Amino acid sequence: MTNVAISGINAVDNPGPGVGVIKSIKKKDKNTKIIGLAYDAMEPGVYMDWLTDKVFIMPYPSEGETPFINRLLYIKESCGLDAIIPTLDAELPLFIANGEKLGSFGICTFLPTKEQFRLRAKDRLSDLAQSIGLKVPESRTVTSYEELTKAINEMKFPVMIKGVFYKAYKAFNYQEATSYFNKIVSEWGYPVIVQKVVAGEEMNVVGVGDGEGGDFGMVGIKKLWITSLGKIWTGVTVKHEEMLRTAKNFVKEFNWKGAFELECIVSDDGIYLIEINPRFPAWIYFATGVGINLPERLLSAALGKEPERASNYEPGKLYIRFTDDFVTDMEIFQKIVTRGER
């Protein structure tokens, strides 16, 4: 039996990818033991005992490398741990930096390198997009209210206000733009990126790079309906040949290793690259549902096996996210708070 730890089980209004990854792995092998990694006792995945066999509260990545790694080694010792699939941006640098150390303890990962991870920074996106034949929306990097105002005056509303690594908000007036600017600075610091909004269809590609210029499959989708937080609620599979070809160029150009998602806007004058995520998206089960089980393939690669590589999915398949309810015992919450595990 394989024991796999998966993070991002915060299935809330801004869901993490963890639940979709778990469902994908369980679909392939119901006997796989799933260890959920949570950062808060109220994450819904803590209580989904039909998906997670064990759950552990992790120290926040900001607490540093030592407590983070020690916690993983404790999990390894207490219940066994063969592989980890991290799914959250904030924790990835720690996992990437300590991949070899974890491997020495028998804990496998399949992650991008430090340099590959740095490629996703929004201030490097223009050069990356150019190298694979894509455009990027007009952008300005700002560090003051004066620069913010100047950038907006040049681009006109609406604009996107973005952190270099995390968070993005659409602003329709100066009050919103200033508020989002302050929010990003207080949480992530300077600089802040102001980006022109491009009209077109939102399309994404998810895949897994093999680290040698090839891939273990890709799926393209078009967003039909998104939430106020920008998360997909309904979508449809598409085979946009240029976008899929560009995704393959990305993997080949940078020898990408591990999961990735390209977020694009397809407009009349070309494809614009909006963002690169170095992990699975929250909608990853969509790919599994149309026959391309990318989490299972990544897990196989992490364990040293040769995964499938086919990307034969049917366009026109519909994805619908929905909310659900369940009731459980308060003692589970008490246990996770007092012991840090369930």
Protein backbone atom coordinates (compact mmCIF):
# COMPACT_ATOMS: atom_id res chain seq x y z
CA MET A 1 0.00 0.00 0.00
CA THR A 2 1.25 3.50 -0.87
CA ASN A 3 0.99 6.27 1.72
CA VAL A 4 0.65 9.71 0.12
CA ALA A 5 0.46 13.09 1.85
CA ILE A 6 -1.50 15.83 0.08
CA SER A 7 -1.89 19.46 1.13
CA GLY A 8 -4.43 22.10 0.11
CA ILE A 9 -7.47 20.37 1.63
CA ASN A 10 -9.09 23.73 2.36
CA ALA A 11 -12.20 23.14 0.22
CA VAL A 12 -13.79 26.53 0.93
CA ASP A 13 -14.99 29.41 -1.28
CA ASN A 14 -11.38 29.82 -2.47
CA PRO A 15 -10.62 26.10 -2.66
CA GLY A 16 -7.23 24.49 -2.60
CA PRO A 17 -6.42 21.73 -5.11
CA GLY A 18 -6.03 19.00 -2.47
CA VAL A 19 -9.51 17.46 -2.55
CA GLY A 20 -9.43 17.15 -6.35
CA VAL A 21 -5.97 15.55 -6.18
CA ILE A 22 -7.15 13.08 -3.53
CA LYS A 23 -10.27 12.13 -5.52
CA SER A 24 -8.09 11.54 -8.57
CA ILE A 25 -5.68 9.24 -6.73
CA LYS A 26 -8.51 7.38 -5.03
CA LYS A 27 -10.19 6.88 -8.40
CA LYS A 28 -7.11 5.00 -9.63
CA ASP A 29 -6.50 3.00 -6.44
CA LYS A 30 -8.97 3.07 -3.54
CA ASN A 31 -6.43 1.33 -1.33
CA THR A 32 -3.94 4.21 -1.43
CA LYS A 33 -3.65 5.66 2.07
CA ILE A 34 -4.21 9.42 1.98
CA ILE A 35 -2.62 11.65 4.62
CA GLY A 36 -4.08 15.15 4.58
CA LEU A 37 -1.82 18.09 5.45
CA ALA A 38 -3.78 21.04 6.86
CA TYR A 39 -2.80 24.45 8.21
CA ASP A 40 -6.00 25.12 10.13
CA ALA A 41 -8.37 22.94 12.16
CA MET A 42 -11.35 24.29 10.22
CA GLU A 43 -10.22 23.12 6.79
CA PRO A 44 -13.07 20.91 5.48
CA GLY A 45 -10.68 18.19 4.32
CA VAL A 46 -9.81 17.53 7.97
CA TYR A 47 -13.30 16.07 8.44
CA MET A 48 -13.71 14.23 5.12
CA ASP A 49 -12.81 10.82 6.47
CA TRP A 50 -14.05 9.14 3.29
CA LEU A 51 -11.16 10.84 1.49
CA THR A 52 -8.43 11.28 4.12
CA ASP A 53 -7.26 8.35 6.25
CA LYS A 54 -5.15 10.54 8.55
CA VAL A 55 -4.80 14.32 8.91
CA PHE A 56 -2.00 16.35 10.45
CA ILE A 57 -1.79 20.06 11.17
CA MET A 58 1.37 21.52 9.65
CA PRO A 59 3.36 24.53 10.89
CA TYR A 60 3.04 27.51 8.54
CA PRO A 61 5.89 27.71 6.01
CA SER A 62 6.72 31.16 7.43
CA GLU A 63 7.84 29.45 10.65
CA GLY A 64 10.87 28.16 8.81
CA GLU A 65 12.41 25.01 7.43
CA THR A 66 13.25 23.11 10.62
CA PRO A 67 9.77 22.78 12.19
CA PHE A 68 8.28 22.08 8.75
CA ILE A 69 10.65 19.23 7.93
CA ASN A 70 10.53 17.83 11.47
CA ARG A 71 6.76 17.63 11.23
CA LEU A 72 6.99 15.65 7.99
CA LEU A 73 9.52 13.28 9.53
CA TYR A 74 7.19 12.79 12.51
CA ILE A 75 4.39 11.87 10.09
CA LYS A 76 6.73 9.46 8.33
CA GLU A 77 7.60 7.79 11.62
CA SER A 78 4.07 7.66 13.01
CA CYS A 79 2.12 6.31 10.06
CA GLY A 80 4.47 5.87 7.12
CA LEU A 81 4.92 8.24 4.22
CA ASP A 82 6.05 7.30 0.71
CA ALA A 83 5.33 10.47 -1.25
CA ILE A 84 4.04 14.03 -0.93
CA ILE A 85 2.08 16.08 -3.44
CA PRO A 86 2.17 19.70 -2.22
CA THR A 87 -0.48 21.89 -3.88
CA LEU A 88 -0.09 25.37 -2.35
CA ASP A 89 2.16 28.13 -3.67
CA ALA A 90 3.35 29.28 -0.24
CA GLU A 91 4.72 25.87 0.75
CA LEU A 92 6.34 24.91 -2.55
CA PRO A 93 9.66 26.73 -1.96
CA LEU A 94 10.22 24.70 1.22
CA PHE A 95 9.42 21.42 -0.51
CA ILE A 96 11.60 22.29 -3.51
CA ALA A 97 14.55 23.34 -1.33
CA ASN A 98 14.31 20.15 0.73
CA GLY A 99 13.46 17.63 -1.98
CA GLU A 100 16.75 15.77 -1.70
CA LYS A 101 16.60 15.72 2.10
CA LEU A 102 13.08 14.29 2.05
CA GLY A 103 14.18 11.76 -0.56
CA SER A 104 16.98 10.59 1.73
CA PHE A 105 14.29 9.64 4.25
CA GLY A 106 12.29 7.76 1.62
CA ILE A 107 9.74 10.54 1.01
CA CYS A 108 9.36 11.08 -2.75
CA THR A 109 8.31 14.26 -4.55
CA PHE A 110 8.09 15.33 -8.18
CA LEU A 111 8.57 19.09 -8.25
CA PRO A 112 10.03 21.87 -10.40
CA THR A 113 13.52 23.16 -9.66
CA LYS A 114 14.17 26.45 -7.86
CA GLU A 115 14.87 28.17 -11.16
CA GLN A 116 11.73 26.77 -12.76
CA PHE A 117 9.69 27.97 -9.80
CA ARG A 118 11.12 31.48 -10.19
CA LEU A 119 9.86 31.56 -13.79
CA ARG A 120 6.31 31.99 -12.51
CA ALA A 121 7.08 35.39 -11.01
CA LYS A 122 4.87 37.91 -12.74
CA ASP A 123 7.76 40.32 -13.27
CA ARG A 124 9.48 37.66 -15.44
CA LEU A 125 6.38 36.63 -17.35
CA SER A 126 6.98 38.87 -20.36
CA ASP A 127 10.35 37.30 -21.24
CA LEU A 128 9.00 33.80 -20.69
CA ALA A 129 5.93 34.41 -22.85
CA GLN A 130 8.05 35.77 -25.67
CA SER A 131 10.29 32.70 -25.59
CA ILE A 132 7.29 30.40 -26.23
CA GLY A 133 5.48 32.64 -28.70
CA LEU A 134 2.82 34.22 -26.49
CA LYS A 135 1.91 37.79 -25.66
CA VAL A 136 1.40 39.31 -22.23
CA PRO A 137 -0.95 42.16 -21.31
CA GLU A 138 0.61 45.60 -20.92
CA SER A 139 1.97 45.85 -17.36
CA ARG A 140 3.71 48.28 -15.00
CA THR A 141 5.63 47.50 -11.83
CA VAL A 142 4.87 50.09 -9.15
CA THR A 143 6.06 50.83 -5.62
CA SER A 144 4.14 54.01 -4.72
CA TYR A 145 0.74 55.69 -5.01
CA GLU A 146 2.19 58.10 -7.58
CA GLU A 147 3.40 55.26 -9.80
CA LEU A 148 0.09 53.44 -9.30
CA THR A 149 -1.88 56.49 -10.45
CA LYS A 150 0.42 57.08 -13.42
CA ALA A 151 0.11 53.45 -14.56
CA ILE A 152 -3.69 53.54 -14.31
CA ASN A 153 -3.87 56.81 -16.24
CA GLU A 154 -1.86 55.25 -19.05
CA MET A 155 -3.85 52.00 -19.20
CA LYS A 156 -7.37 53.18 -18.22
CA PHE A 157 -9.84 51.15 -16.15
CA PRO A 158 -10.44 48.32 -15.58
CA VAL A 159 -6.98 47.11 -14.52
CA MET A 160 -5.62 44.13 -12.62
CA ILE A 161 -3.72 44.84 -9.40
CA LYS A 162 -1.34 41.93 -8.70
CA GLY A 163 1.33 40.82 -6.29
CA VAL A 164 4.57 39.61 -7.87
CA PHE A 165 3.89 36.03 -6.76
CA TYR A 166 0.40 35.92 -5.25
CA LYS A 167 -3.03 37.57 -5.40
CA ALA A 168 -4.76 39.44 -8.22
CA TYR A 169 -7.75 41.79 -8.14
CA LYS A 170 -9.69 43.60 -10.87
CA ALA A 171 -10.18 47.29 -10.09
CA PHE A 172 -12.76 49.51 -11.77
CA ASN A 173 -11.92 52.82 -10.06
CA TYR A 174 -9.14 54.55 -8.10
CA GLN A 175 -10.65 53.67 -4.73
CA GLU A 176 -10.65 49.96 -5.52
CA ALA A 177 -7.17 50.12 -7.04
CA THR A 178 -5.73 51.86 -3.97
CA SER A 179 -7.46 49.44 -1.62
CA TYR A 180 -6.10 46.39 -3.49
CA PHE A 181 -2.65 47.99 -3.71
CA ASN A 182 -2.59 48.45 0.08
CA LYS A 183 -3.89 44.93 0.65
CA ILE A 184 -1.17 43.33 -1.46
CA VAL A 185 1.61 45.47 0.04
CA SER A 186 0.52 44.69 3.62
CA GLU A 187 0.45 40.96 2.89
CA TRP A 188 3.28 40.42 0.40
CA GLY A 189 5.24 43.69 0.20
CA TYR A 190 6.51 45.55 -2.87
CA PRO A 191 6.49 45.68 -5.82
CA VAL A 192 2.91 45.60 -7.12
CA ILE A 193 1.99 44.97 -10.75
CA VAL A 194 -0.66 46.95 -12.61
CA GLN A 195 -1.86 45.08 -15.68
CA LYS A 196 -4.18 46.02 -18.51
CA VAL A 197 -7.31 43.86 -18.81
CA VAL A 198 -7.41 41.98 -22.12
CA ALA A 199 -10.76 41.05 -23.65
CA GLY A 200 -11.18 37.46 -24.78
CA GLU A 201 -11.97 33.92 -23.66
CA GLU A 202 -10.30 32.58 -20.53
CA MET A 203 -8.62 29.28 -21.34
CA ASN A 204 -6.26 27.20 -19.21
CA VAL A 205 -4.01 24.20 -19.76
CA VAL A 206 -3.06 21.82 -16.99
CA GLY A 207 -0.36 19.21 -17.33
CA VAL A 208 2.64 17.40 -15.85
CA GLY A 209 6.14 17.89 -17.24
CA ASP A 210 8.57 14.98 -17.09
CA GLY A 211 11.62 17.16 -16.41
CA GLU A 212 13.25 16.20 -19.71
CA GLY A 213 11.23 18.27 -22.17
CA GLY A 214 8.28 15.90 -22.47
CA ASP A 215 5.02 15.58 -20.60
CA PHE A 216 2.73 13.06 -18.94
CA GLY A 217 -0.42 14.52 -20.48
CA MET A 218 -2.28 17.83 -20.82
CA VAL A 219 -5.89 19.03 -20.79
CA GLY A 220 -7.22 22.35 -22.07
CA ILE A 221 -10.37 24.01 -20.75
CA LYS A 222 -12.41 27.16 -21.26
CA LYS A 223 -13.92 28.92 -18.26
CA LEU A 224 -17.65 29.49 -18.60
CA TRP A 225 -18.53 30.87 -15.18
CA ILE A 226 -16.22 32.08 -12.43
CA THR A 227 -16.78 33.15 -8.83
CA SER A 228 -16.19 36.65 -7.45
CA LEU A 229 -12.74 35.36 -6.39
CA GLY A 230 -11.93 34.38 -9.97
CA LYS A 231 -12.27 30.63 -9.38
CA ILE A 232 -13.83 28.44 -12.05
CA TRP A 233 -17.37 27.27 -11.28
CA THR A 234 -18.26 25.79 -14.65
CA GLY A 235 -16.05 25.03 -17.63
CA VAL A 236 -15.77 22.98 -20.79
CA THR A 237 -12.92 20.96 -22.27
CA VAL A 238 -11.41 22.43 -25.44
CA LYS A 239 -8.70 21.41 -27.88
CA HIS A 240 -7.30 24.77 -28.88
CA GLU A 241 -4.38 23.53 -30.93
CA GLU A 242 -2.26 26.67 -30.67
CA MET A 243 -2.66 26.87 -26.91
CA LEU A 244 -1.84 23.18 -26.42
CA ARG A 245 1.14 23.48 -28.75
CA THR A 246 2.37 26.46 -26.75
CA ALA A 247 2.04 24.47 -23.52
CA LYS A 248 4.23 21.76 -25.05
CA ASN A 249 6.72 24.43 -26.09
CA PHE A 250 6.79 25.69 -22.49
CA VAL A 251 7.55 22.21 -21.15
CA LYS A 252 10.20 21.61 -23.81
CA GLU A 253 11.86 25.03 -23.54
CA PHE A 254 12.29 24.88 -19.76
CA ASN A 255 12.38 21.10 -19.15
CA TRP A 256 9.53 21.65 -16.73
CA LYS A 257 9.22 19.03 -14.02
CA GLY A 258 5.97 18.42 -12.17
CA ALA A 259 2.49 19.88 -12.30
CA PHE A 260 1.71 23.19 -14.00
CA GLU A 261 -1.18 25.33 -15.16
CA LEU A 262 -1.02 27.99 -17.87
CA GLU A 263 -3.70 30.66 -17.53
CA CYS A 264 -4.39 32.40 -20.84
CA ILE A 265 -6.71 34.84 -22.56
CA VAL A 266 -7.45 33.90 -26.16
CA SER A 267 -8.37 37.05 -28.09
CA ASP A 268 -8.74 38.04 -31.73
CA ASP A 269 -5.12 39.19 -31.89
CA GLY A 270 -3.51 36.17 -30.26
CA ILE A 271 -3.00 34.31 -26.99
CA TYR A 272 -2.00 36.25 -23.89
CA LEU A 273 -0.25 34.50 -21.02
CA ILE A 274 -1.72 35.72 -17.73
CA GLU A 275 -0.08 33.43 -15.20
CA ILE A 276 1.83 30.20 -14.69
CA ASN A 277 1.00 28.11 -11.64
CA PRO A 278 3.67 25.55 -10.60
CA ARG A 279 1.08 23.14 -9.22
CA PHE A 280 -2.31 21.61 -9.93
CA PRO A 281 -5.32 23.95 -9.99
CA ALA A 282 -8.40 23.48 -7.80
CA TRP A 283 -10.30 22.14 -10.84
CA ILE A 284 -7.81 19.29 -11.41
CA TYR A 285 -10.49 16.60 -11.03
CA PHE A 286 -11.97 17.90 -14.29
CA ALA A 287 -8.95 16.42 -16.11
CA THR A 288 -9.39 13.13 -14.28
CA GLY A 289 -13.09 13.09 -15.12
CA VAL A 290 -12.34 13.25 -18.86
CA GLY A 291 -9.82 10.41 -18.66
CA ILE A 292 -6.48 12.16 -18.02
CA ASN A 293 -5.61 11.39 -14.40
CA LEU A 294 -2.70 13.79 -13.96
CA PRO A 295 -2.34 13.48 -10.14
CA GLU A 296 -2.03 9.70 -10.45
CA ARG A 297 0.53 10.10 -13.22
CA LEU A 298 2.55 12.56 -11.15
CA LEU A 299 2.47 10.15 -8.19
CA SER A 300 3.72 7.33 -10.41
CA ALA A 301 6.59 9.52 -11.61
CA ALA A 302 7.46 10.47 -8.02
CA LEU A 303 7.64 6.78 -7.12
CA GLY A 304 9.99 6.07 -10.03
CA LYS A 305 7.43 4.46 -12.32
CA GLU A 306 6.76 5.37 -15.95
CA PRO A 307 3.31 7.05 -16.16
CA GLU A 308 0.94 7.18 -19.09
CA ARG A 309 1.57 10.02 -21.53
CA ALA A 310 -1.59 10.07 -23.65
CA SER A 311 -3.75 13.20 -23.80
CA ASN A 312 -6.73 11.76 -25.65
CA TYR A 313 -9.67 13.57 -24.08
CA GLU A 314 -12.96 14.59 -25.62
CA PRO A 315 -13.69 18.30 -26.14
CA GLY A 316 -17.09 19.59 -25.07
CA LYS A 317 -17.21 17.87 -21.69
CA LEU A 318 -18.81 20.07 -19.01
CA TYR A 319 -17.41 20.67 -15.53
CA ILE A 320 -19.70 21.89 -12.73
CA ARG A 321 -18.52 22.66 -9.21
CA PHE A 322 -21.08 22.53 -6.40
CA THR A 323 -21.21 22.99 -2.65
CA ASP A 324 -22.25 20.28 -0.21
CA ASP A 325 -22.93 19.82 3.50
CA PHE A 326 -22.20 17.16 6.07
CA VAL A 327 -22.41 16.85 9.83
CA THR A 328 -19.75 15.32 12.05
CA ASP A 329 -18.72 15.14 15.70
CA MET A 330 -17.23 18.02 17.66
CA GLU A 331 -14.70 15.62 19.16
CA ILE A 332 -12.86 15.51 15.83
CA PHE A 333 -12.32 19.27 16.01
CA GLN A 334 -11.19 18.98 19.64
CA LYS A 335 -8.76 16.22 18.75
CA ILE A 336 -7.20 18.12 15.85
CA VAL A 337 -6.85 21.27 17.98
CA THR A 338 -5.31 19.54 21.00
CA ARG A 339 -3.25 16.84 19.31
CA GLY A 340 -2.63 18.36 15.89
CA GLU A 341 -3.77 15.20 14.14
CA ARG A 342 -6.81 13.07 13.44
